[in-house]
């Protein structure tokens, strides 16, 4: 006896539902978490403290003085940015520039982004932040007086690291607070880059499940997500088809 269309639609809908059910559950849980949490807390805005602004009467030298010092040691190709920043209460120029590499460098890397710090009062260059300075910078920007739990110097990250795709090298200063907050300070830039806490870590894990990017977590156009989206659409359409072929109107 030949099997009806109703049988095949019901069977395909059932197997598609099993295949996609777990992923749909992950999307739903992630969506609930995203919509019910305070993004300012996730980003650590409530934990971040801004230091006082510099006085308008501050005495500064021209950034050209610092650039002249850099040019004595390196061959500059172009400037990316010059910014006045605060490092432990003192003004510094954060200079980002493209520097020409040596003649032996491959054509694809003839120039490289480099970072320099210069005293904005004298124009004298200074080295990147050391461990103790980075800890003090993290404390200065952290709202509260927690104890330092751990300090790690990071020179590289991977696709699942919570500091991925951010300036390196950096110091990761973890505090003994309820949220296990880690403050990342880029040593060559002299500034705090990211606050990472337990709320953000849960968000990041659910975001990975939401985007289905199990390699780097942030790529929305990956083939796995596209495939599941199409199959999900087919599952929904098969459900509508099952409803109609099961109805008395269709049977008549």
C-alpha atoms as a PDB file:
ATOM      1  CA  UNK A   1       0.000   0.000   0.000  1.00  0.00           C
ATOM      2  CA  UNK A   2       1.453   3.349  -1.011  1.00  0.00           C
ATOM      3  CA  UNK A   3       2.183   5.753   1.798  1.00  0.00           C
ATOM      4  CA  UNK A   4       0.450   9.122   1.746  1.00  0.00           C
ATOM      5  CA  UNK A   5       2.027  12.548   1.495  1.00  0.00           C
ATOM      6  CA  UNK A   6       0.866  13.107   5.041  1.00  0.00           C
ATOM      7  CA  UNK A   7       3.133  10.287   6.229  1.00  0.00           C
ATOM      8  CA  UNK A   8       6.256  11.628   4.515  1.00  0.00           C
ATOM      9  CA  UNK A   9       5.658  15.222   5.633  1.00  0.00           C
ATOM     10  CA  UNK A  10       5.056  14.105   9.234  1.00  0.00           C
ATOM     11  CA  UNK A  11       8.162  11.949   9.251  1.00  0.00           C
ATOM     12  CA  UNK A  12      10.437  14.642   7.757  1.00  0.00           C
ATOM     13  CA  UNK A  13       9.023  17.243  10.146  1.00  0.00           C
ATOM     14  CA  UNK A  14       9.699  14.979  13.120  1.00  0.00           C
ATOM     15  CA  UNK A  15      13.331  14.307  12.211  1.00  0.00           C
ATOM     16  CA  UNK A  16      13.976  17.938  11.351  1.00  0.00           C
ATOM     17  CA  UNK A  17      12.477  18.902  14.702  1.00  0.00           C
ATOM     18  CA  UNK A  18      14.862  16.576  16.540  1.00  0.00           C
ATOM     19  CA  UNK A  19      17.821  17.891  14.535  1.00  0.00           C
ATOM     20  CA  UNK A  20      17.017  21.546  15.119  1.00  0.00           C
ATOM     21  CA  UNK A  21      15.338  21.375  18.508  1.00  0.00           C
ATOM     22  CA  UNK A  22      18.540  21.722  20.533  1.00  0.00           C
ATOM     23  CA  UNK A  23      19.754  24.659  18.461  1.00  0.00           C
ATOM     24  CA  UNK A  24      16.354  26.372  18.682  1.00  0.00           C
ATOM     25  CA  UNK A  25      16.532  25.916  22.467  1.00  0.00           C
ATOM     26  CA  UNK A  26      20.003  27.529  22.509  1.00  0.00           C
ATOM     27  CA  UNK A  27      18.718  30.453  20.433  1.00  0.00           C
ATOM     28  CA  UNK A  28      15.783  30.920  22.789  1.00  0.00           C
ATOM     29  CA  UNK A  29      17.868  30.746  25.971  1.00  0.00           C
ATOM     30  CA  UNK A  30      20.405  33.158  24.472  1.00  0.00           C
ATOM     31  CA  UNK A  31      17.685  35.566  23.379  1.00  0.00           C
ATOM     32  CA  UNK A  32      16.141  35.538  26.854  1.00  0.00           C
ATOM     33  CA  UNK A  33      19.516  36.218  28.479  1.00  0.00           C
ATOM     34  CA  UNK A  34      20.350  39.026  26.034  1.00  0.00           C
ATOM     35  CA  UNK A  35      17.007  40.750  26.550  1.00  0.00           C
ATOM     36  CA  UNK A  36      16.810  40.348  30.329  1.00  0.00           C
ATOM     37  CA  UNK A  37      20.335  41.450  31.256  1.00  0.00           C
ATOM     38  CA  UNK A  38      21.729  44.943  31.642  1.00  0.00           C
ATOM     39  CA  UNK A  39      24.303  45.450  28.915  1.00  0.00           C
ATOM     40  CA  UNK A  40      26.017  48.197  30.905  1.00  0.00           C
ATOM     41  CA  UNK A  41      26.757  45.645  33.626  1.00  0.00           C
ATOM     42  CA  UNK A  42      27.852  43.068  31.043  1.00  0.00           C
ATOM     43  CA  UNK A  43      30.363  45.558  29.612  1.00  0.00           C
ATOM     44  CA  UNK A  44      31.564  46.508  33.094  1.00  0.00           C
ATOM     45  CA  UNK A  45      30.389  50.119  32.853  1.00  0.00           C
ATOM     46  CA  UNK A  46      29.217  50.052  36.463  1.00  0.00           C
ATOM     47  CA  UNK A  47      32.660  48.859  37.541  1.00  0.00           C
ATOM     48  CA  UNK A  48      34.578  51.447  35.554  1.00  0.00           C
ATOM     49  CA  UNK A  49      35.731  54.662  37.212  1.00  0.00           C
ATOM     50  CA  UNK A  50      36.891  57.618  35.159  1.00  0.00           C
ATOM     51  CA  UNK A  51      39.893  59.543  36.570  1.00  0.00           C
ATOM     52  CA  UNK A  52      39.753  63.346  36.876  1.00  0.00           C
ATOM     53  CA  UNK A  53      40.211  65.408  33.710  1.00  0.00           C
ATOM     54  CA  UNK A  54      43.385  67.415  33.179  1.00  0.00           C
ATOM     55  CA  UNK A  55      43.316  71.087  34.088  1.00  0.00           C
ATOM     56  CA  UNK A  56      42.936  73.518  31.205  1.00  0.00           C
ATOM     57  CA  UNK A  57      46.084  75.271  32.467  1.00  0.00           C
ATOM     58  CA  UNK A  58      48.264  72.201  32.003  1.00  0.00           C
ATOM     59  CA  UNK A  59      51.608  72.828  30.287  1.00  0.00           C
ATOM     60  CA  UNK A  60      52.153  70.589  27.269  1.00  0.00           C
ATOM     61  CA  UNK A  61      54.798  70.366  24.582  1.00  0.00           C
ATOM     62  CA  UNK A  62      53.939  69.863  20.949  1.00  0.00           C
ATOM     63  CA  UNK A  63      53.548  66.209  19.831  1.00  0.00           C
ATOM     64  CA  UNK A  64      56.142  67.085  17.197  1.00  0.00           C
ATOM     65  CA  UNK A  65      58.819  66.785  19.873  1.00  0.00           C
ATOM     66  CA  UNK A  66      57.851  63.171  20.486  1.00  0.00           C
ATOM     67  CA  UNK A  67      57.605  62.471  16.759  1.00  0.00           C
ATOM     68  CA  UNK A  68      61.119  63.820  16.251  1.00  0.00           C
ATOM     69  CA  UNK A  69      62.383  61.415  18.903  1.00  0.00           C
ATOM     70  CA  UNK A  70      60.640  58.496  17.199  1.00  0.00           C
ATOM     71  CA  UNK A  71      62.058  59.464  13.796  1.00  0.00           C
ATOM     72  CA  UNK A  72      65.578  59.268  15.176  1.00  0.00           C
ATOM     73  CA  UNK A  73      65.058  55.560  15.872  1.00  0.00           C
ATOM     74  CA  UNK A  74      62.505  54.491  13.265  1.00  0.00           C
ATOM     75  CA  UNK A  75      61.463  55.374   9.738  1.00  0.00           C
ATOM     76  CA  UNK A  76      57.847  56.513   9.795  1.00  0.00           C
ATOM     77  CA  UNK A  77      55.524  55.800   6.922  1.00  0.00           C
ATOM     78  CA  UNK A  78      52.365  57.483   8.237  1.00  0.00           C
ATOM     79  CA  UNK A  79      50.546  58.525  11.393  1.00  0.00           C
ATOM     80  CA  UNK A  80      47.468  56.688  12.633  1.00  0.00           C
ATOM     81  CA  UNK A  81      46.579  58.716  15.725  1.00  0.00           C
ATOM     82  CA  UNK A  82      47.950  60.928  18.485  1.00  0.00           C
ATOM     83  CA  UNK A  83      45.961  61.037  21.697  1.00  0.00           C
ATOM     84  CA  UNK A  84      46.459  62.697  25.071  1.00  0.00           C
ATOM     85  CA  UNK A  85      45.966  60.082  27.793  1.00  0.00           C
ATOM     86  CA  UNK A  86      46.253  59.812  31.553  1.00  0.00           C
ATOM     87  CA  UNK A  87      48.768  57.398  33.044  1.00  0.00           C
ATOM     88  CA  UNK A  88      48.579  57.446  36.836  1.00  0.00           C
ATOM     89  CA  UNK A  89      47.708  61.119  36.928  1.00  0.00           C
ATOM     90  CA  UNK A  90      50.316  62.333  34.421  1.00  0.00           C
ATOM     91  CA  UNK A  91      49.718  63.397  30.795  1.00  0.00           C
ATOM     92  CA  UNK A  92      51.196  61.286  28.018  1.00  0.00           C
ATOM     93  CA  UNK A  93      50.907  61.209  24.257  1.00  0.00           C
ATOM     94  CA  UNK A  94      49.778  57.885  22.868  1.00  0.00           C
ATOM     95  CA  UNK A  95      51.234  57.781  19.355  1.00  0.00           C
ATOM     96  CA  UNK A  96      50.215  55.126  16.848  1.00  0.00           C
ATOM     97  CA  UNK A  97      52.079  55.124  13.548  1.00  0.00           C
ATOM     98  CA  UNK A  98      53.026  52.940  10.620  1.00  0.00           C
ATOM     99  CA  UNK A  99      56.744  52.280  10.558  1.00  0.00           C
ATOM    100  CA  UNK A 100      58.758  51.067   7.580  1.00  0.00           C
ATOM    101  CA  UNK A 101      60.286  47.654   8.135  1.00  0.00           C
ATOM    102  CA  UNK A 102      63.728  46.589   6.983  1.00  0.00           C
ATOM    103  CA  UNK A 103      64.611  45.854   3.372  1.00  0.00           C
ATOM    104  CA  UNK A 104      64.481  42.114   4.107  1.00  0.00           C
ATOM    105  CA  UNK A 105      60.816  42.261   5.086  1.00  0.00           C
ATOM    106  CA  UNK A 106      58.320  40.642   2.671  1.00  0.00           C
ATOM    107  CA  UNK A 107      56.326  43.018   0.418  1.00  0.00           C
ATOM    108  CA  UNK A 108      53.117  42.343   2.380  1.00  0.00           C
ATOM    109  CA  UNK A 109      54.690  43.650   5.596  1.00  0.00           C
ATOM    110  CA  UNK A 110      56.772  46.628   4.456  1.00  0.00           C
ATOM    111  CA  UNK A 111      55.115  48.725   7.160  1.00  0.00           C
ATOM    112  CA  UNK A 112      53.809  47.813  10.593  1.00  0.00           C
ATOM    113  CA  UNK A 113      51.600  49.484  13.184  1.00  0.00           C
ATOM    114  CA  UNK A 114      53.687  50.560  16.170  1.00  0.00           C
ATOM    115  CA  UNK A 115      52.726  52.219  19.439  1.00  0.00           C
ATOM    116  CA  UNK A 116      54.736  54.736  21.448  1.00  0.00           C
ATOM    117  CA  UNK A 117      54.221  56.628  24.693  1.00  0.00           C
ATOM    118  CA  UNK A 118      55.744  60.062  25.275  1.00  0.00           C
ATOM    119  CA  UNK A 119      55.615  62.398  28.258  1.00  0.00           C
ATOM    120  CA  UNK A 120      53.313  65.208  27.143  1.00  0.00           C
ATOM    121  CA  UNK A 121      55.161  67.669  29.389  1.00  0.00           C
ATOM    122  CA  UNK A 122      58.634  67.008  27.982  1.00  0.00           C
ATOM    123  CA  UNK A 123      58.213  64.987  24.782  1.00  0.00           C
ATOM    124  CA  UNK A 124      60.520  62.282  26.134  1.00  0.00           C
ATOM    125  CA  UNK A 125      59.620  58.749  25.091  1.00  0.00           C
ATOM    126  CA  UNK A 126      58.999  56.157  27.739  1.00  0.00           C
ATOM    127  CA  UNK A 127      58.863  52.322  27.613  1.00  0.00           C
ATOM    128  CA  UNK A 128      55.615  50.337  27.740  1.00  0.00           C
ATOM    129  CA  UNK A 129      53.944  49.906  31.096  1.00  0.00           C
ATOM    130  CA  UNK A 130      55.507  47.328  33.384  1.00  0.00           C
ATOM    131  CA  UNK A 131      53.599  44.926  35.617  1.00  0.00           C
ATOM    132  CA  UNK A 132      53.328  47.208  38.654  1.00  0.00           C
ATOM    133  CA  UNK A 133      52.284  50.210  36.560  1.00  0.00           C
ATOM    134  CA  UNK A 134      49.616  48.154  34.796  1.00  0.00           C
ATOM    135  CA  UNK A 135      48.226  46.979  38.135  1.00  0.00           C
ATOM    136  CA  UNK A 136      48.037  50.561  39.384  1.00  0.00           C
ATOM    137  CA  UNK A 137      46.340  51.686  36.159  1.00  0.00           C
ATOM    138  CA  UNK A 138      43.769  48.888  36.534  1.00  0.00           C
ATOM    139  CA  UNK A 139      43.127  49.870  40.150  1.00  0.00           C
ATOM    140  CA  UNK A 140      42.774  53.512  39.172  1.00  0.00           C
ATOM    141  CA  UNK A 141      40.014  52.680  36.701  1.00  0.00           C
ATOM    142  CA  UNK A 142      38.277  50.046  38.842  1.00  0.00           C
ATOM    143  CA  UNK A 143      35.365  51.267  40.927  1.00  0.00           C
ATOM    144  CA  UNK A 144      36.085  50.001  44.429  1.00  0.00           C
ATOM    145  CA  UNK A 145      39.027  48.709  46.436  1.00  0.00           C
ATOM    146  CA  UNK A 146      39.244  44.973  45.718  1.00  0.00           C
ATOM    147  CA  UNK A 147      42.407  42.943  46.123  1.00  0.00           C
ATOM    148  CA  UNK A 148      44.383  41.743  43.129  1.00  0.00           C
ATOM    149  CA  UNK A 149      43.917  38.000  42.702  1.00  0.00           C
ATOM    150  CA  UNK A 150      46.083  37.268  39.665  1.00  0.00           C
ATOM    151  CA  UNK A 151      48.184  39.043  37.032  1.00  0.00           C
ATOM    152  CA  UNK A 152      49.008  37.561  33.627  1.00  0.00           C
ATOM    153  CA  UNK A 153      51.060  38.988  30.776  1.00  0.00           C
ATOM    154  CA  UNK A 154      49.434  38.138  27.445  1.00  0.00           C
ATOM    155  CA  UNK A 155      51.250  38.221  24.134  1.00  0.00           C
ATOM    156  CA  UNK A 156      48.786  36.213  22.022  1.00  0.00           C
ATOM    157  CA  UNK A 157      45.174  35.031  22.142  1.00  0.00           C
ATOM    158  CA  UNK A 158      42.944  32.546  20.339  1.00  0.00           C
ATOM    159  CA  UNK A 159      39.433  32.715  18.930  1.00  0.00           C
ATOM    160  CA  UNK A 160      37.750  31.797  22.228  1.00  0.00           C
ATOM    161  CA  UNK A 161      39.829  34.024  24.504  1.00  0.00           C
ATOM    162  CA  UNK A 162      37.818  36.754  26.242  1.00  0.00           C
ATOM    163  CA  UNK A 163      40.368  39.354  25.097  1.00  0.00           C
ATOM    164  CA  UNK A 164      40.450  38.212  21.475  1.00  0.00           C
ATOM    165  CA  UNK A 165      41.066  40.765  18.703  1.00  0.00           C
ATOM    166  CA  UNK A 166      42.308  43.445  21.104  1.00  0.00           C
ATOM    167  CA  UNK A 167      45.692  45.224  21.347  1.00  0.00           C
ATOM    168  CA  UNK A 168      48.630  43.124  22.520  1.00  0.00           C
ATOM    169  CA  UNK A 169      50.733  42.744  24.566  1.00  0.00           C
ATOM    170  CA  UNK A 170      48.540  43.325  27.604  1.00  0.00           C
ATOM    171  CA  UNK A 171      48.363  42.642  31.301  1.00  0.00           C
ATOM    172  CA  UNK A 172      45.283  40.803  32.585  1.00  0.00           C
ATOM    173  CA  UNK A 173      44.641  41.903  36.175  1.00  0.00           C
ATOM    174  CA  UNK A 174      41.979  39.802  37.906  1.00  0.00           C
ATOM    175  CA  UNK A 175      40.399  41.179  41.088  1.00  0.00           C
ATOM    176  CA  UNK A 176      38.841  39.409  44.063  1.00  0.00           C
ATOM    177  CA  UNK A 177      35.335  40.732  43.557  1.00  0.00           C
ATOM    178  CA  UNK A 178      32.013  38.820  43.293  1.00  0.00           C
ATOM    179  CA  UNK A 179      32.020  39.065  39.495  1.00  0.00           C
ATOM    180  CA  UNK A 180      35.654  37.854  39.129  1.00  0.00           C
ATOM    181  CA  UNK A 181      36.420  40.910  37.030  1.00  0.00           C
ATOM    182  CA  UNK A 182      39.534  40.997  34.875  1.00  0.00           C
ATOM    183  CA  UNK A 183      40.836  44.354  33.656  1.00  0.00           C
ATOM    184  CA  UNK A 184      42.996  44.274  30.523  1.00  0.00           C
ATOM    185  CA  UNK A 185      45.662  46.967  30.194  1.00  0.00           C
ATOM    186  CA  UNK A 186      47.543  47.279  26.890  1.00  0.00           C
ATOM    187  CA  UNK A 187      51.138  47.914  27.951  1.00  0.00           C
ATOM    188  CA  UNK A 188      52.233  49.710  24.770  1.00  0.00           C
ATOM    189  CA  UNK A 189      49.115  51.897  24.673  1.00  0.00           C
ATOM    190  CA  UNK A 190      49.093  52.639  28.386  1.00  0.00           C
ATOM    191  CA  UNK A 191      45.314  52.372  28.653  1.00  0.00           C
ATOM    192  CA  UNK A 192      42.607  50.027  29.915  1.00  0.00           C
ATOM    193  CA  UNK A 193      41.066  48.181  26.996  1.00  0.00           C
ATOM    194  CA  UNK A 194      38.423  45.834  28.390  1.00  0.00           C
ATOM    195  CA  UNK A 195      36.543  44.828  31.530  1.00  0.00           C
ATOM    196  CA  UNK A 196      35.561  41.164  31.589  1.00  0.00           C
ATOM    197  CA  UNK A 197      33.324  39.708  34.324  1.00  0.00           C
ATOM    198  CA  UNK A 198      31.243  36.566  34.887  1.00  0.00           C
ATOM    199  CA  UNK A 199      28.177  38.177  33.331  1.00  0.00           C
ATOM    200  CA  UNK A 200      30.118  38.913  30.161  1.00  0.00           C
ATOM    201  CA  UNK A 201      31.526  35.376  30.096  1.00  0.00           C
ATOM    202  CA  UNK A 202      28.022  33.877  30.196  1.00  0.00           C
ATOM    203  CA  UNK A 203      26.972  36.342  27.487  1.00  0.00           C
ATOM    204  CA  UNK A 204      29.957  35.372  25.330  1.00  0.00           C
ATOM    205  CA  UNK A 205      29.230  31.643  25.630  1.00  0.00           C
ATOM    206  CA  UNK A 206      25.556  32.103  24.744  1.00  0.00           C
ATOM    207  CA  UNK A 207      26.563  34.424  21.893  1.00  0.00           C
ATOM    208  CA  UNK A 208      28.745  31.633  20.486  1.00  0.00           C
ATOM    209  CA  UNK A 209      25.757  29.264  20.599  1.00  0.00           C
ATOM    210  CA  UNK A 210      23.584  31.975  19.060  1.00  0.00           C
ATOM    211  CA  UNK A 211      25.910  32.709  16.141  1.00  0.00           C
ATOM    212  CA  UNK A 212      27.052  29.073  15.821  1.00  0.00           C
ATOM    213  CA  UNK A 213      30.570  30.356  15.205  1.00  0.00           C
ATOM    214  CA  UNK A 214      32.513  27.745  17.170  1.00  0.00           C
ATOM    215  CA  UNK A 215      35.829  29.007  15.856  1.00  0.00           C
ATOM    216  CA  UNK A 216      35.859  32.715  16.656  1.00  0.00           C
ATOM    217  CA  UNK A 217      32.389  33.306  18.192  1.00  0.00           C
ATOM    218  CA  UNK A 218      31.689  36.584  16.393  1.00  0.00           C
ATOM    219  CA  UNK A 219      31.318  35.732  12.689  1.00  0.00           C
ATOM    220  CA  UNK A 220      27.626  35.909  11.764  1.00  0.00           C
ATOM    221  CA  UNK A 221      27.968  34.813   8.144  1.00  0.00           C
ATOM    222  CA  UNK A 222      29.386  31.340   8.780  1.00  0.00           C
ATOM    223  CA  UNK A 223      28.034  28.429   6.736  1.00  0.00           C
ATOM    224  CA  UNK A 224      26.770  26.475   9.760  1.00  0.00           C
ATOM    225  CA  UNK A 225      24.454  29.308  10.807  1.00  0.00           C
ATOM    226  CA  UNK A 226      23.273  29.795   7.233  1.00  0.00           C
ATOM    227  CA  UNK A 227      22.571  26.067   6.856  1.00  0.00           C
ATOM    228  CA  UNK A 228      20.631  25.790  10.111  1.00  0.00           C
ATOM    229  CA  UNK A 229      18.651  28.918   9.249  1.00  0.00           C
ATOM    230  CA  UNK A 230      17.577  27.406   5.924  1.00  0.00           C
ATOM    231  CA  UNK A 231      16.796  24.029   7.477  1.00  0.00           C
ATOM    232  CA  UNK A 232      14.880  25.821  10.227  1.00  0.00           C
ATOM    233  CA  UNK A 233      12.783  27.569   7.588  1.00  0.00           C
ATOM    234  CA  UNK A 234      12.116  24.218   5.912  1.00  0.00           C
ATOM    235  CA  UNK A 235      11.040  22.782   9.277  1.00  0.00           C
ATOM    236  CA  UNK A 236       8.571  25.607   9.813  1.00  0.00           C
ATOM    237  CA  UNK A 237       7.176  25.228   6.291  1.00  0.00           C
ATOM    238  CA  UNK A 238       6.823  21.474   6.773  1.00  0.00           C
ATOM    239  CA  UNK A 239       4.887  22.168   9.958  1.00  0.00           C
ATOM    240  CA  UNK A 240       2.474  24.391   8.034  1.00  0.00           C
ATOM    241  CA  UNK A 241       2.188  21.729   5.347  1.00  0.00           C
ATOM    242  CA  UNK A 242       1.493  19.067   8.000  1.00  0.00           C
ATOM    243  CA  UNK A 243      -1.254  21.254   9.444  1.00  0.00           C
ATOM    244  CA  UNK A 244      -2.967  21.650   6.096  1.00  0.00           C
ATOM    245  CA  UNK A 245      -2.702  18.022   4.957  1.00  0.00           C
ATOM    246  CA  UNK A 246      -4.077  16.920   8.328  1.00  0.00           C
ATOM    247  CA  UNK A 247      -7.058  19.246   8.197  1.00  0.00           C
ATOM    248  CA  UNK A 248     -10.554  18.031   7.279  1.00  0.00           C
ATOM    249  CA  UNK A 249     -10.750  20.693   4.566  1.00  0.00           C
ATOM    250  CA  UNK A 250      -7.702  19.262   2.780  1.00  0.00           C
ATOM    251  CA  UNK A 251      -8.990  15.706   3.046  1.00  0.00           C
ATOM    252  CA  UNK A 252     -12.293  16.732   1.458  1.00  0.00           C
END
